[in-house]
Amino acid sequence: MSGATYYALLAAGRSRDNPSGVARRRRDGDTVIDEVFTRNLRWDPTDYFDRERLGRNDDEHVEITEAEADEFVQRVTAKRR
């Protein structure tokens, strides 16, 4: 998806190459939509970035490329099916 910014979610002991999850932030006009790829194998809304802004989030995150996010999604999807 173009126009989105992707992030690797890094719980304790995780790295950019082996994240605990992926999130994305995309814009639809003036609306910002934050989503995380879930165990249900789909992108669902998340309040991750709101919690981060409020200091209520223990996980770290780093920006990644769309290709890296796609690789994570494919890897998780293959394991779950």
PDB file of N, CA and C in Angstrom:
ATOM      1  N   MET A   1       0.859  -1.177   0.000  1.00  0.00           N
ATOM      2  CA  MET A   1       0.000   0.000   0.000  1.00  0.00           C
ATOM      3  C   MET A   1       0.899   1.230   0.000  1.00  0.00           C
ATOM      4  N   SER A   2       0.795   2.051  -0.981  1.00  0.00           N
ATOM      5  CA  SER A   2       1.598   3.256  -1.021  1.00  0.00           C
ATOM      6  C   SER A   2       0.966   4.305  -0.123  1.00  0.00           C
ATOM      7  N   GLY A   3       1.775   5.248   0.335  1.00  0.00           N
ATOM      8  CA  GLY A   3       1.267   6.296   1.205  1.00  0.00           C
ATOM      9  C   GLY A   3       1.177   5.882   2.655  1.00  0.00           C
ATOM     10  N   ALA A   4       1.624   4.697   2.982  1.00  0.00           N
ATOM     11  CA  ALA A   4       1.621   4.232   4.374  1.00  0.00           C
ATOM     12  C   ALA A   4       3.051   4.215   4.892  1.00  0.00           C
ATOM     13  N   THR A   5       3.170   4.397   6.193  1.00  0.00           N
ATOM     14  CA  THR A   5       4.452   4.251   6.876  1.00  0.00           C
ATOM     15  C   THR A   5       4.346   3.009   7.740  1.00  0.00           C
ATOM     16  N   TYR A   6       5.340   2.144   7.653  1.00  0.00           N
ATOM     17  CA  TYR A   6       5.318   0.863   8.341  1.00  0.00           C
ATOM     18  C   TYR A   6       6.321   0.855   9.487  1.00  0.00           C
ATOM     19  N   TYR A   7       5.990   0.080  10.534  1.00  0.00           N
ATOM     20  CA  TYR A   7       6.839  -0.001  11.720  1.00  0.00           C
ATOM     21  C   TYR A   7       6.945  -1.443  12.186  1.00  0.00           C
ATOM     22  N   ALA A   8       8.158  -1.835  12.586  1.00  0.00           N
ATOM     23  CA  ALA A   8       8.364  -3.117  13.252  1.00  0.00           C
ATOM     24  C   ALA A   8       8.147  -2.880  14.739  1.00  0.00           C
ATOM     25  N   LEU A   9       7.334  -3.709  15.370  1.00  0.00           N
ATOM     26  CA  LEU A   9       7.085  -3.617  16.807  1.00  0.00           C
ATOM     27  C   LEU A   9       8.065  -4.537  17.515  1.00  0.00           C
ATOM     28  N   LEU A  10       8.782  -3.985  18.471  1.00  0.00           N
ATOM     29  CA  LEU A  10       9.897  -4.701  19.084  1.00  0.00           C
ATOM     30  C   LEU A  10       9.661  -4.923  20.572  1.00  0.00           C
ATOM     31  N   ALA A  11       8.988  -6.003  20.898  1.00  0.00           N
ATOM     32  CA  ALA A  11       8.864  -6.400  22.304  1.00  0.00           C
ATOM     33  C   ALA A  11      10.260  -6.804  22.784  1.00  0.00           C
ATOM     34  N   ALA A  12      10.420  -6.983  24.067  1.00  0.00           N
ATOM     35  CA  ALA A  12      11.723  -7.329  24.648  1.00  0.00           C
ATOM     36  C   ALA A  12      12.366  -8.501  23.913  1.00  0.00           C
ATOM     37  N   GLY A  13      13.621  -8.329  23.548  1.00  0.00           N
ATOM     38  CA  GLY A  13      14.373  -9.385  22.890  1.00  0.00           C
ATOM     39  C   GLY A  13      14.144  -9.501  21.393  1.00  0.00           C
ATOM     40  N   ARG A  14      13.332  -8.660  20.818  1.00  0.00           N
ATOM     41  CA  ARG A  14      13.051  -8.723  19.384  1.00  0.00           C
ATOM     42  C   ARG A  14      13.877  -7.685  18.632  1.00  0.00           C
ATOM     43  N   SER A  15      14.041  -7.923  17.334  1.00  0.00           N
ATOM     44  CA  SER A  15      14.840  -7.031  16.484  1.00  0.00           C
ATOM     45  C   SER A  15      14.047  -6.669  15.233  1.00  0.00           C
ATOM     46  N   ARG A  16      14.592  -5.762  14.484  1.00  0.00           N
ATOM     47  CA  ARG A  16      13.968  -5.355  13.218  1.00  0.00           C
ATOM     48  C   ARG A  16      13.793  -6.561  12.287  1.00  0.00           C
ATOM     49  N   ASP A  17      14.743  -7.486  12.318  1.00  0.00           N
ATOM     50  CA  ASP A  17      14.675  -8.677  11.471  1.00  0.00           C
ATOM     51  C   ASP A  17      13.716  -9.739  11.997  1.00  0.00           C
ATOM     52  N   ASN A  18      13.354  -9.636  13.281  1.00  0.00           N
ATOM     53  CA  ASN A  18      12.459 -10.611  13.907  1.00  0.00           C
ATOM     54  C   ASN A  18      11.505  -9.872  14.856  1.00  0.00           C
ATOM     55  N   PRO A  19      10.641  -9.008  14.288  1.00  0.00           N
ATOM     56  CA  PRO A  19       9.768  -8.206  15.150  1.00  0.00           C
ATOM     57  C   PRO A  19       8.648  -9.040  15.762  1.00  0.00           C
ATOM     58  N   SER A  20       8.070  -8.510  16.822  1.00  0.00           N
ATOM     59  CA  SER A  20       6.921  -9.174  17.436  1.00  0.00           C
ATOM     60  C   SER A  20       5.641  -8.845  16.682  1.00  0.00           C
ATOM     61  N   GLY A  21       5.684  -7.832  15.834  1.00  0.00           N
ATOM     62  CA  GLY A  21       4.522  -7.454  15.040  1.00  0.00           C
ATOM     63  C   GLY A  21       4.868  -6.322  14.099  1.00  0.00           C
ATOM     64  N   VAL A  22       3.906  -5.955  13.268  1.00  0.00           N
ATOM     65  CA  VAL A  22       4.078  -4.797  12.390  1.00  0.00           C
ATOM     66  C   VAL A  22       2.830  -3.927  12.472  1.00  0.00           C
ATOM     67  N   ALA A  23       3.072  -2.638  12.375  1.00  0.00           N
ATOM     68  CA  ALA A  23       1.985  -1.661  12.375  1.00  0.00           C
ATOM     69  C   ALA A  23       2.178  -0.758  11.173  1.00  0.00           C
ATOM     70  N   ARG A  24       1.126  -0.065  10.817  1.00  0.00           N
ATOM     71  CA  ARG A  24       1.240   0.909   9.743  1.00  0.00           C
ATOM     72  C   ARG A  24       0.368   2.110  10.067  1.00  0.00           C
ATOM     73  N   ARG A  25       0.790   3.226   9.541  1.00  0.00           N
ATOM     74  CA  ARG A  25       0.026   4.466   9.655  1.00  0.00           C
ATOM     75  C   ARG A  25      -0.216   4.944   8.233  1.00  0.00           C
ATOM     76  N   ARG A  26      -1.477   5.147   7.899  1.00  0.00           N
ATOM     77  CA  ARG A  26      -1.807   5.630   6.567  1.00  0.00           C
ATOM     78  C   ARG A  26      -2.779   6.791   6.682  1.00  0.00           C
ATOM     79  N   ARG A  27      -2.876   7.535   5.627  1.00  0.00           N
ATOM     80  CA  ARG A  27      -3.759   8.693   5.608  1.00  0.00           C
ATOM     81  C   ARG A  27      -4.843   8.496   4.563  1.00  0.00           C
ATOM     82  N   ASP A  28      -6.030   8.903   4.946  1.00  0.00           N
ATOM     83  CA  ASP A  28      -7.169   8.929   4.041  1.00  0.00           C
ATOM     84  C   ASP A  28      -7.698  10.357   4.107  1.00  0.00           C
ATOM     85  N   GLY A  29      -7.205  11.196   3.206  1.00  0.00           N
ATOM     86  CA  GLY A  29      -7.518  12.621   3.279  1.00  0.00           C
ATOM     87  C   GLY A  29      -6.871  13.205   4.518  1.00  0.00           C
ATOM     88  N   ASP A  30      -7.666  13.797   5.387  1.00  0.00           N
ATOM     89  CA  ASP A  30      -7.150  14.374   6.629  1.00  0.00           C
ATOM     90  C   ASP A  30      -7.167  13.383   7.792  1.00  0.00           C
ATOM     91  N   THR A  31      -7.655  12.192   7.538  1.00  0.00           N
ATOM     92  CA  THR A  31      -7.776  11.188   8.597  1.00  0.00           C
ATOM     93  C   THR A  31      -6.539  10.301   8.639  1.00  0.00           C
ATOM     94  N   VAL A  32      -6.000  10.102   9.841  1.00  0.00           N
ATOM     95  CA  VAL A  32      -4.884   9.181  10.052  1.00  0.00           C
ATOM     96  C   VAL A  32      -5.462   7.859  10.534  1.00  0.00           C
ATOM     97  N   ILE A  33      -5.049   6.773   9.906  1.00  0.00           N
ATOM     98  CA  ILE A  33      -5.537   5.440  10.255  1.00  0.00           C
ATOM     99  C   ILE A  33      -4.347   4.598  10.691  1.00  0.00           C
ATOM    100  N   ASP A  34      -4.363   4.170  11.946  1.00  0.00           N
ATOM    101  CA  ASP A  34      -3.316   3.306  12.492  1.00  0.00           C
ATOM    102  C   ASP A  34      -3.839   1.887  12.556  1.00  0.00           C
ATOM    103  N   GLU A  35      -3.027   0.953  12.053  1.00  0.00           N
ATOM    104  CA  GLU A  35      -3.432  -0.451  12.015  1.00  0.00           C
ATOM    105  C   GLU A  35      -2.255  -1.335  12.399  1.00  0.00           C
ATOM    106  N   VAL A  36      -2.580  -2.517  12.879  1.00  0.00           N
ATOM    107  CA  VAL A  36      -1.589  -3.532  13.193  1.00  0.00           C
ATOM    108  C   VAL A  36      -2.028  -4.828  12.514  1.00  0.00           C
ATOM    109  N   PHE A  37      -1.045  -5.603  12.039  1.00  0.00           N
ATOM    110  CA  PHE A  37      -1.370  -6.901  11.448  1.00  0.00           C
ATOM    111  C   PHE A  37      -1.589  -7.876  12.593  1.00  0.00           C
ATOM    112  N   THR A  38      -2.775  -8.499  12.631  1.00  0.00           N
ATOM    113  CA  THR A  38      -3.180  -9.286  13.789  1.00  0.00           C
ATOM    114  C   THR A  38      -3.076 -10.792  13.569  1.00  0.00           C
ATOM    115  N   ARG A  39      -3.307 -11.516  14.636  1.00  0.00           N
ATOM    116  CA  ARG A  39      -3.341 -12.986  14.574  1.00  0.00           C
ATOM    117  C   ARG A  39      -4.470 -13.482  13.688  1.00  0.00           C
ATOM    118  N   ASN A  40      -5.426 -12.622  13.416  1.00  0.00           N
ATOM    119  CA  ASN A  40      -6.520 -12.972  12.509  1.00  0.00           C
ATOM    120  C   ASN A  40      -6.108 -12.832  11.049  1.00  0.00           C
ATOM    121  N   LEU A  41      -4.837 -12.533  10.833  1.00  0.00           N
ATOM    122  CA  LEU A  41      -4.237 -12.421   9.496  1.00  0.00           C
ATOM    123  C   LEU A  41      -4.872 -11.300   8.677  1.00  0.00           C
ATOM    124  N   ARG A  42      -5.096 -10.187   9.339  1.00  0.00           N
ATOM    125  CA  ARG A  42      -5.622  -9.008   8.653  1.00  0.00           C
ATOM    126  C   ARG A  42      -5.139  -7.758   9.387  1.00  0.00           C
ATOM    127  N   TRP A  43      -5.261  -6.635   8.699  1.00  0.00           N
ATOM    128  CA  TRP A  43      -4.931  -5.349   9.304  1.00  0.00           C
ATOM    129  C   TRP A  43      -6.153  -4.850  10.065  1.00  0.00           C
ATOM    130  N   ASP A  44      -5.977  -4.584  11.360  1.00  0.00           N
ATOM    131  CA  ASP A  44      -7.058  -4.081  12.208  1.00  0.00           C
ATOM    132  C   ASP A  44      -6.635  -2.775  12.870  1.00  0.00           C
ATOM    133  N   PRO A  45      -7.603  -1.944  13.239  1.00  0.00           N
ATOM    134  CA  PRO A  45      -7.281  -0.686  13.913  1.00  0.00           C
ATOM    135  C   PRO A  45      -6.516  -0.930  15.216  1.00  0.00           C
ATOM    136  N   THR A  46      -5.650   0.015  15.571  1.00  0.00           N
ATOM    137  CA  THR A  46      -4.876  -0.086  16.810  1.00  0.00           C
ATOM    138  C   THR A  46      -4.753   1.281  17.467  1.00  0.00           C
ATOM    139  N   ASP A  47      -4.592   1.261  18.780  1.00  0.00           N
ATOM    140  CA  ASP A  47      -4.306   2.493  19.509  1.00  0.00           C
ATOM    141  C   ASP A  47      -2.837   2.530  19.944  1.00  0.00           C
ATOM    142  N   TYR A  48      -2.011   1.700  19.312  1.00  0.00           N
ATOM    143  CA  TYR A  48      -0.591   1.589  19.665  1.00  0.00           C
ATOM    144  C   TYR A  48       0.093   2.955  19.714  1.00  0.00           C
ATOM    145  N   PHE A  49      -0.073   3.766  18.685  1.00  0.00           N
ATOM    146  CA  PHE A  49       0.635   5.044  18.623  1.00  0.00           C
ATOM    147  C   PHE A  49       0.068   6.056  19.624  1.00  0.00           C
ATOM    148  N   ASP A  50      -1.223   5.963  19.915  1.00  0.00           N
ATOM    149  CA  ASP A  50      -1.805   6.808  20.965  1.00  0.00           C
ATOM    150  C   ASP A  50      -1.216   6.436  22.321  1.00  0.00           C
ATOM    151  N   ARG A  51      -1.122   5.135  22.608  1.00  0.00           N
ATOM    152  CA  ARG A  51      -0.512   4.683  23.875  1.00  0.00           C
ATOM    153  C   ARG A  51       0.940   5.125  23.951  1.00  0.00           C
ATOM    154  N   GLU A  52       1.655   5.032  22.832  1.00  0.00           N
ATOM    155  CA  GLU A  52       3.054   5.461  22.787  1.00  0.00           C
ATOM    156  C   GLU A  52       3.164   6.945  23.131  1.00  0.00           C
ATOM    157  N   ARG A  53       2.324   7.746  22.521  1.00  0.00           N
ATOM    158  CA  ARG A  53       2.342   9.195  22.751  1.00  0.00           C
ATOM    159  C   ARG A  53       2.057   9.529  24.211  1.00  0.00           C
ATOM    160  N   LEU A  54       1.207   8.735  24.850  1.00  0.00           N
ATOM    161  CA  LEU A  54       0.844   8.961  26.248  1.00  0.00           C
ATOM    162  C   LEU A  54       1.801   8.295  27.239  1.00  0.00           C
ATOM    163  N   GLY A  55       2.823   7.603  26.721  1.00  0.00           N
ATOM    164  CA  GLY A  55       3.794   6.941  27.589  1.00  0.00           C
ATOM    165  C   GLY A  55       3.262   5.668  28.225  1.00  0.00           C
ATOM    166  N   ARG A  56       2.286   5.045  27.596  1.00  0.00           N
ATOM    167  CA  ARG A  56       1.657   3.835  28.146  1.00  0.00           C
ATOM    168  C   ARG A  56       1.967   2.589  27.329  1.00  0.00           C
ATOM    169  N   ASN A  57       3.115   2.579  26.723  1.00  0.00           N
ATOM    170  CA  ASN A  57       3.460   1.461  25.858  1.00  0.00           C
ATOM    171  C   ASN A  57       4.882   1.022  26.167  1.00  0.00           C
ATOM    172  N   ASP A  58       5.081  -0.246  26.476  1.00  0.00           N
ATOM    173  CA  ASP A  58       6.404  -0.750  26.820  1.00  0.00           C
ATOM    174  C   ASP A  58       7.211  -1.182  25.604  1.00  0.00           C
ATOM    175  N   ASP A  59       6.548  -1.420  24.482  1.00  0.00           N
ATOM    176  CA  ASP A  59       7.248  -1.888  23.291  1.00  0.00           C
ATOM    177  C   ASP A  59       7.902  -0.725  22.546  1.00  0.00           C
ATOM    178  N   GLU A  60       9.007  -1.038  21.898  1.00  0.00           N
ATOM    179  CA  GLU A  60       9.679  -0.084  21.024  1.00  0.00           C
ATOM    180  C   GLU A  60       9.172  -0.323  19.600  1.00  0.00           C
ATOM    181  N   HIS A  61       9.479   0.602  18.707  1.00  0.00           N
ATOM    182  CA  HIS A  61       9.185   0.392  17.289  1.00  0.00           C
ATOM    183  C   HIS A  61      10.194   1.155  16.449  1.00  0.00           C
ATOM    184  N   VAL A  62      10.424   0.646  15.241  1.00  0.00           N
ATOM    185  CA  VAL A  62      11.307   1.300  14.282  1.00  0.00           C
ATOM    186  C   VAL A  62      10.617   1.305  12.929  1.00  0.00           C
ATOM    187  N   GLU A  63      10.865   2.342  12.167  1.00  0.00           N
ATOM    188  CA  GLU A  63      10.282   2.413  10.833  1.00  0.00           C
ATOM    189  C   GLU A  63      10.953   1.394   9.928  1.00  0.00           C
ATOM    190  N   ILE A  64      10.136   0.726   9.117  1.00  0.00           N
ATOM    191  CA  ILE A  64      10.638  -0.261   8.161  1.00  0.00           C
ATOM    192  C   ILE A  64      10.032   0.029   6.794  1.00  0.00           C
ATOM    193  N   THR A  65      10.529  -0.671   5.793  1.00  0.00           N
ATOM    194  CA  THR A  65      10.009  -0.493   4.443  1.00  0.00           C
ATOM    195  C   THR A  65       8.725  -1.304   4.254  1.00  0.00           C
ATOM    196  N   GLU A  66       7.991  -0.962   3.224  1.00  0.00           N
ATOM    197  CA  GLU A  66       6.802  -1.739   2.883  1.00  0.00           C
ATOM    198  C   GLU A  66       7.188  -3.179   2.574  1.00  0.00           C
ATOM    199  N   ALA A  67       8.320  -3.374   1.912  1.00  0.00           N
ATOM    200  CA  ALA A  67       8.784  -4.724   1.576  1.00  0.00           C
ATOM    201  C   ALA A  67       9.060  -5.536   2.845  1.00  0.00           C
ATOM    202  N   GLU A  68       9.660  -4.909   3.859  1.00  0.00           N
ATOM    203  CA  GLU A  68       9.913  -5.611   5.119  1.00  0.00           C
ATOM    204  C   GLU A  68       8.594  -5.975   5.810  1.00  0.00           C
ATOM    205  N   ALA A  69       7.630  -5.071   5.772  1.00  0.00           N
ATOM    206  CA  ALA A  69       6.316  -5.354   6.359  1.00  0.00           C
ATOM    207  C   ALA A  69       5.641  -6.502   5.614  1.00  0.00           C
ATOM    208  N   ASP A  70       5.705  -6.475   4.291  1.00  0.00           N
ATOM    209  CA  ASP A  70       5.111  -7.543   3.482  1.00  0.00           C
ATOM    210  C   ASP A  70       5.765  -8.893   3.795  1.00  0.00           C
ATOM    211  N   GLU A  71       7.080  -8.890   3.993  1.00  0.00           N
ATOM    212  CA  GLU A  71       7.793 -10.122   4.324  1.00  0.00           C
ATOM    213  C   GLU A  71       7.291 -10.690   5.654  1.00  0.00           C
ATOM    214  N   PHE A  72       7.108  -9.826   6.644  1.00  0.00           N
ATOM    215  CA  PHE A  72       6.578 -10.265   7.939  1.00  0.00           C
ATOM    216  C   PHE A  72       5.179 -10.863   7.766  1.00  0.00           C
ATOM    217  N   VAL A  73       4.310 -10.158   7.043  1.00  0.00           N
ATOM    218  CA  VAL A  73       2.939 -10.623   6.831  1.00  0.00           C
ATOM    219  C   VAL A  73       2.950 -11.992   6.153  1.00  0.00           C
ATOM    220  N   GLN A  74       3.777 -12.157   5.144  1.00  0.00           N
ATOM    221  CA  GLN A  74       3.849 -13.448   4.440  1.00  0.00           C
ATOM    222  C   GLN A  74       4.358 -14.556   5.364  1.00  0.00           C
ATOM    223  N   ARG A  75       5.367 -14.249   6.173  1.00  0.00           N
ATOM    224  CA  ARG A  75       5.936 -15.234   7.089  1.00  0.00           C
ATOM    225  C   ARG A  75       4.895 -15.669   8.133  1.00  0.00           C
ATOM    226  N   VAL A  76       4.192 -14.710   8.719  1.00  0.00           N
ATOM    227  CA  VAL A  76       3.167 -15.029   9.725  1.00  0.00           C
ATOM    228  C   VAL A  76       2.017 -15.792   9.101  1.00  0.00           C
ATOM    229  N   THR A  77       1.592 -15.351   7.930  1.00  0.00           N
ATOM    230  CA  THR A  77       0.481 -16.013   7.254  1.00  0.00           C
ATOM    231  C   THR A  77       0.830 -17.464   6.935  1.00  0.00           C
ATOM    232  N   ALA A  78       2.044 -17.718   6.473  1.00  0.00           N
ATOM    233  CA  ALA A  78       2.462 -19.089   6.144  1.00  0.00           C
ATOM    234  C   ALA A  78       2.481 -19.972   7.384  1.00  0.00           C
ATOM    235  N   LYS A  79       2.886 -19.426   8.525  1.00  0.00           N
ATOM    236  CA  LYS A  79       2.925 -20.205   9.763  1.00  0.00           C
ATOM    237  C   LYS A  79       1.542 -20.534  10.289  1.00  0.00           C
ATOM    238  N   ARG A  80       0.595 -19.639  10.093  1.00  0.00           N
ATOM    239  CA  ARG A  80      -0.751 -19.781  10.670  1.00  0.00           C
ATOM    240  C   ARG A  80      -1.691 -20.618   9.799  1.00  0.00           C
ATOM    241  N   ARG A  81      -1.321 -20.882   8.585  1.00  0.00           N
ATOM    242  CA  ARG A  81      -2.232 -21.636   7.688  1.00  0.00           C
ATOM    243  C   ARG A  81      -1.836 -23.073   7.612  1.00  0.00           C
TER     244      ARG A  81
END
